[in-house]
N, C-alpha and C. Protein backbone atom coordinates (compact mmCIF):
# COMPACT_ATOMS: atom_id res chain seq x y z
N MET A 1 93.94 30.99 109.77
CA MET A 1 92.99 32.07 109.78
C MET A 1 92.55 32.34 111.22
N ARG A 2 92.59 33.59 111.59
CA ARG A 2 92.24 33.98 112.94
C ARG A 2 90.77 34.36 113.05
N ASN A 3 90.15 33.95 114.14
CA ASN A 3 88.75 34.35 114.37
C ASN A 3 88.70 35.80 114.83
N ARG A 4 87.87 36.58 114.21
CA ARG A 4 87.73 37.98 114.60
C ARG A 4 86.74 38.08 115.76
N SER A 5 87.00 38.98 116.65
CA SER A 5 86.12 39.20 117.79
C SER A 5 84.79 39.76 117.30
N LYS A 6 83.71 39.25 117.86
CA LYS A 6 82.38 39.74 117.50
C LYS A 6 81.92 40.87 118.42
N LEU A 7 82.74 41.19 119.42
CA LEU A 7 82.38 42.26 120.34
C LEU A 7 82.85 43.60 119.80
N THR A 8 82.03 44.60 119.99
CA THR A 8 82.42 45.96 119.59
C THR A 8 82.24 46.88 120.79
N LEU A 9 83.01 47.91 120.84
CA LEU A 9 82.89 48.88 121.93
C LEU A 9 81.66 49.73 121.72
N VAL A 10 80.87 49.87 122.77
CA VAL A 10 79.65 50.67 122.68
C VAL A 10 80.01 52.15 122.49
N THR A 11 81.10 52.59 123.07
CA THR A 11 81.46 54.01 122.97
C THR A 11 81.80 54.42 121.55
N ASN A 12 82.10 53.49 120.67
CA ASN A 12 82.41 53.82 119.29
C ASN A 12 81.16 53.85 118.40
N ASN A 13 80.01 53.57 118.96
CA ASN A 13 78.78 53.53 118.19
C ASN A 13 78.30 54.96 117.92
N PRO A 14 78.29 55.42 116.67
CA PRO A 14 77.90 56.79 116.35
C PRO A 14 76.40 57.05 116.51
N ASN A 15 75.59 56.00 116.66
CA ASN A 15 74.15 56.18 116.78
C ASN A 15 73.70 56.49 118.20
N LEU A 16 74.60 56.37 119.18
CA LEU A 16 74.21 56.61 120.56
C LEU A 16 74.22 58.10 120.89
N LYS A 17 73.20 58.53 121.67
CA LYS A 17 73.13 59.90 122.16
C LYS A 17 73.38 59.89 123.67
N THR A 18 73.77 61.00 124.21
CA THR A 18 73.99 61.12 125.65
C THR A 18 72.72 61.63 126.32
N TYR A 19 72.30 60.95 127.38
CA TYR A 19 71.15 61.36 128.19
C TYR A 19 71.63 61.54 129.62
N TYR A 20 70.94 62.37 130.37
CA TYR A 20 71.29 62.65 131.75
C TYR A 20 70.16 62.16 132.65
N VAL A 21 70.50 61.24 133.54
CA VAL A 21 69.51 60.55 134.37
C VAL A 21 69.70 60.96 135.84
N PRO A 22 68.66 61.51 136.47
CA PRO A 22 68.79 61.91 137.87
C PRO A 22 68.57 60.74 138.82
N LEU A 23 69.45 60.60 139.79
CA LEU A 23 69.29 59.65 140.89
C LEU A 23 69.46 60.44 142.18
N ALA A 24 68.40 60.55 142.96
CA ALA A 24 68.40 61.42 144.14
C ALA A 24 68.91 60.70 145.38
N ARG A 25 69.51 61.50 146.26
CA ARG A 25 69.90 61.05 147.60
C ARG A 25 69.50 62.16 148.55
N ILE A 26 68.60 61.84 149.48
CA ILE A 26 68.08 62.84 150.41
C ILE A 26 68.42 62.39 151.82
N GLU A 27 69.01 63.31 152.59
CA GLU A 27 69.38 63.00 153.97
C GLU A 27 68.69 63.99 154.91
N VAL A 28 68.07 63.45 155.97
CA VAL A 28 67.38 64.27 156.96
C VAL A 28 67.90 63.87 158.33
N SER A 29 68.25 64.87 159.13
CA SER A 29 68.71 64.63 160.50
C SER A 29 67.74 65.27 161.48
N LEU A 30 67.44 64.57 162.56
CA LEU A 30 66.59 65.12 163.62
C LEU A 30 67.49 65.58 164.77
N HIS A 31 67.28 66.84 165.21
CA HIS A 31 68.09 67.42 166.28
C HIS A 31 67.18 67.78 167.46
N PRO A 32 67.53 67.36 168.67
CA PRO A 32 66.72 67.77 169.82
C PRO A 32 66.95 69.25 170.14
N VAL A 33 65.86 69.93 170.52
CA VAL A 33 65.92 71.34 170.90
C VAL A 33 65.06 71.52 172.14
N LYS A 34 65.62 72.12 173.16
CA LYS A 34 64.85 72.45 174.37
C LYS A 34 64.17 73.80 174.12
N ALA A 35 62.83 73.80 174.18
CA ALA A 35 62.09 75.03 173.87
C ALA A 35 60.74 75.04 174.59
N TYR A 36 60.12 76.21 174.62
CA TYR A 36 58.81 76.37 175.25
C TYR A 36 57.67 75.92 174.35
N ASN A 37 57.83 76.06 173.02
CA ASN A 37 56.77 75.69 172.08
C ASN A 37 57.40 75.44 170.69
N PHE A 38 56.56 75.11 169.71
CA PHE A 38 57.04 74.79 168.36
C PHE A 38 57.80 75.97 167.74
N GLU A 39 57.21 77.17 167.85
CA GLU A 39 57.84 78.35 167.26
C GLU A 39 59.21 78.63 167.87
N ASP A 40 59.31 78.47 169.19
CA ASP A 40 60.58 78.68 169.88
C ASP A 40 61.61 77.64 169.44
N ALA A 41 61.17 76.39 169.28
CA ALA A 41 62.08 75.32 168.83
C ALA A 41 62.58 75.60 167.42
N ILE A 42 61.70 76.03 166.53
CA ILE A 42 62.10 76.34 165.16
C ILE A 42 63.06 77.51 165.14
N TRP A 43 62.77 78.56 165.92
CA TRP A 43 63.65 79.73 165.97
C TRP A 43 65.04 79.34 166.46
N LYS A 44 65.09 78.54 167.54
CA LYS A 44 66.39 78.12 168.08
C LYS A 44 67.16 77.27 167.07
N ALA A 45 66.48 76.34 166.42
CA ALA A 45 67.16 75.48 165.44
C ALA A 45 67.69 76.31 164.27
N ASN A 46 66.91 77.26 163.80
CA ASN A 46 67.35 78.11 162.69
C ASN A 46 68.51 79.01 163.06
N ASN A 47 68.71 79.23 164.36
CA ASN A 47 69.83 80.04 164.83
C ASN A 47 70.96 79.19 165.41
N GLY A 48 70.93 77.89 165.10
CA GLY A 48 72.03 77.00 165.48
C GLY A 48 72.04 76.58 166.93
N ARG A 49 70.94 76.76 167.63
CA ARG A 49 70.89 76.43 169.05
C ARG A 49 70.19 75.10 169.27
N CYS A 50 70.75 74.04 168.69
CA CYS A 50 70.20 72.71 168.88
C CYS A 50 71.35 71.74 169.18
N GLU A 51 70.98 70.59 169.69
CA GLU A 51 71.97 69.57 170.04
C GLU A 51 72.35 68.77 168.79
N PRO A 52 73.41 67.98 168.88
CA PRO A 52 73.78 67.12 167.74
C PRO A 52 72.63 66.18 167.38
N SER A 53 72.60 65.75 166.13
CA SER A 53 71.48 64.93 165.66
C SER A 53 71.36 63.63 166.43
N CYS A 54 70.12 63.21 166.63
CA CYS A 54 69.85 61.98 167.38
C CYS A 54 69.32 60.87 166.47
N LYS A 55 68.87 61.24 165.28
CA LYS A 55 68.34 60.24 164.35
C LYS A 55 68.56 60.74 162.93
N SER A 56 68.90 59.82 162.01
CA SER A 56 69.09 60.23 160.62
C SER A 56 68.32 59.30 159.68
N PHE A 57 67.85 59.88 158.61
CA PHE A 57 67.12 59.18 157.56
C PHE A 57 67.83 59.46 156.24
N VAL A 58 68.16 58.41 155.50
CA VAL A 58 68.78 58.59 154.19
C VAL A 58 67.94 57.82 153.17
N LEU A 59 67.39 58.56 152.20
CA LEU A 59 66.62 57.97 151.12
C LEU A 59 67.50 58.02 149.87
N GLU A 60 67.74 56.86 149.27
CA GLU A 60 68.58 56.79 148.07
C GLU A 60 67.78 56.13 146.95
N GLU A 61 67.60 56.88 145.88
CA GLU A 61 66.84 56.40 144.72
C GLU A 61 67.62 55.28 144.02
N THR A 62 66.96 54.16 143.76
CA THR A 62 67.63 53.02 143.13
C THR A 62 67.31 52.90 141.65
N TYR A 63 66.13 53.33 141.23
CA TYR A 63 65.72 53.32 139.83
C TYR A 63 65.03 54.64 139.54
N THR A 64 65.15 55.12 138.32
CA THR A 64 64.53 56.39 137.97
C THR A 64 63.60 56.21 136.78
N ASN A 65 62.65 57.12 136.65
CA ASN A 65 61.73 57.12 135.51
C ASN A 65 61.95 58.34 134.62
N GLU A 66 63.04 59.05 134.85
CA GLU A 66 63.30 60.30 134.14
C GLU A 66 64.63 60.24 133.40
N ALA A 67 64.69 60.95 132.29
CA ALA A 67 65.94 61.15 131.55
C ALA A 67 65.82 62.48 130.82
N TYR A 68 66.94 63.18 130.73
CA TYR A 68 66.95 64.50 130.08
C TYR A 68 68.01 64.51 128.98
N GLU A 69 67.78 65.33 127.96
CA GLU A 69 68.73 65.43 126.86
C GLU A 69 69.81 66.47 127.12
N ARG A 70 69.59 67.36 128.09
CA ARG A 70 70.55 68.41 128.42
C ARG A 70 70.78 68.44 129.92
N THR A 71 71.86 69.07 130.33
CA THR A 71 72.11 69.21 131.76
C THR A 71 71.31 70.35 132.36
N TYR A 72 70.80 71.25 131.51
CA TYR A 72 69.93 72.30 132.05
C TYR A 72 68.54 71.70 132.26
N VAL A 73 68.18 71.58 133.52
CA VAL A 73 66.86 71.09 133.91
C VAL A 73 66.36 72.04 134.99
N PRO A 74 65.15 72.56 134.88
CA PRO A 74 64.64 73.42 135.95
C PRO A 74 64.69 72.69 137.29
N THR A 75 65.12 73.40 138.33
CA THR A 75 65.28 72.74 139.63
C THR A 75 63.98 72.18 140.17
N ASP A 76 62.85 72.83 139.85
CA ASP A 76 61.59 72.27 140.33
C ASP A 76 61.29 70.93 139.67
N ALA A 77 61.76 70.72 138.46
CA ALA A 77 61.57 69.42 137.80
C ALA A 77 62.42 68.34 138.47
N LEU A 78 63.59 68.73 138.95
CA LEU A 78 64.46 67.75 139.62
C LEU A 78 63.98 67.40 141.02
N PHE A 79 63.52 68.40 141.77
CA PHE A 79 63.19 68.18 143.17
C PHE A 79 61.71 67.91 143.43
N ALA A 80 60.85 68.14 142.47
CA ALA A 80 59.42 67.91 142.68
C ALA A 80 58.94 66.64 141.97
N ARG A 81 59.86 65.87 141.45
CA ARG A 81 59.45 64.65 140.74
C ARG A 81 59.20 63.52 141.73
N GLU A 82 58.45 62.54 141.29
CA GLU A 82 58.11 61.40 142.14
C GLU A 82 59.24 60.38 142.16
N ILE A 83 59.61 59.95 143.35
CA ILE A 83 60.63 58.90 143.50
C ILE A 83 59.90 57.62 143.91
N GLN A 84 59.90 56.63 143.02
CA GLN A 84 59.13 55.42 143.25
C GLN A 84 59.97 54.26 143.78
N HIS A 85 61.23 54.19 143.41
CA HIS A 85 62.08 53.07 143.81
C HIS A 85 63.25 53.62 144.62
N TYR A 86 63.33 53.21 145.87
CA TYR A 86 64.36 53.75 146.74
C TYR A 86 64.70 52.78 147.86
N GLU A 87 65.83 53.03 148.49
CA GLU A 87 66.22 52.35 149.72
C GLU A 87 66.20 53.40 150.82
N LEU A 88 65.77 53.00 152.00
CA LEU A 88 65.69 53.92 153.13
C LEU A 88 66.51 53.37 154.28
N ASP A 89 67.45 54.18 154.76
CA ASP A 89 68.30 53.79 155.88
C ASP A 89 67.99 54.71 157.04
N ILE A 90 67.55 54.13 158.16
CA ILE A 90 67.21 54.91 159.35
C ILE A 90 68.16 54.51 160.47
N LYS A 91 68.80 55.51 161.07
CA LYS A 91 69.74 55.24 162.17
C LYS A 91 69.35 56.05 163.39
N ASP A 92 69.25 55.35 164.53
CA ASP A 92 69.05 56.01 165.81
C ASP A 92 70.42 56.28 166.39
N LEU A 93 70.89 57.50 166.30
CA LEU A 93 72.26 57.84 166.68
C LEU A 93 72.49 57.83 168.18
N ARG A 94 71.44 57.99 168.96
CA ARG A 94 71.61 57.93 170.41
C ARG A 94 71.95 56.51 170.84
N ASN A 95 71.28 55.52 170.24
CA ASN A 95 71.57 54.12 170.59
C ASN A 95 72.90 53.68 170.02
N GLU A 96 73.32 54.25 168.88
CA GLU A 96 74.60 53.89 168.27
C GLU A 96 75.75 54.21 169.21
N SER A 97 75.68 55.33 169.91
CA SER A 97 76.79 55.74 170.77
C SER A 97 76.84 54.93 172.06
N ARG A 98 75.72 54.29 172.44
CA ARG A 98 75.69 53.51 173.67
C ARG A 98 76.09 52.05 173.47
N LYS A 99 76.13 51.62 172.21
CA LYS A 99 76.48 50.22 171.97
C LYS A 99 77.95 49.97 172.29
N PRO A 100 78.25 48.83 172.89
CA PRO A 100 79.67 48.53 173.14
C PRO A 100 80.42 48.31 171.83
N LYS A 101 81.63 48.83 171.77
CA LYS A 101 82.42 48.69 170.57
C LYS A 101 83.16 47.35 170.59
N LEU A 102 83.14 46.67 169.45
CA LEU A 102 83.84 45.39 169.32
C LEU A 102 85.33 45.65 169.12
N LEU A 103 86.13 44.82 169.76
CA LEU A 103 87.59 44.94 169.59
C LEU A 103 88.08 44.05 168.49
């Protein structure tokens, strides 16, 4: 007599429903701009007249408190929600380019 496996595939369970869980990733880059004042700097940046980024920030959500039953979710609900659990990676790109490269 053979022992039957007690494991079952979860995907075959007819009682399971599909939910859609948002996990956000936000990236911000800081670009130096030579300008006379704040308004001039903003105008130049909006018109592509800035230098390559010197610092970057990446926020990646690790746990979420939200779940949706449909893929249609108002965008304000997705982008205005509170992110409580995240990892933050900050890179100073000016110092990265000056570091000696290992061979």
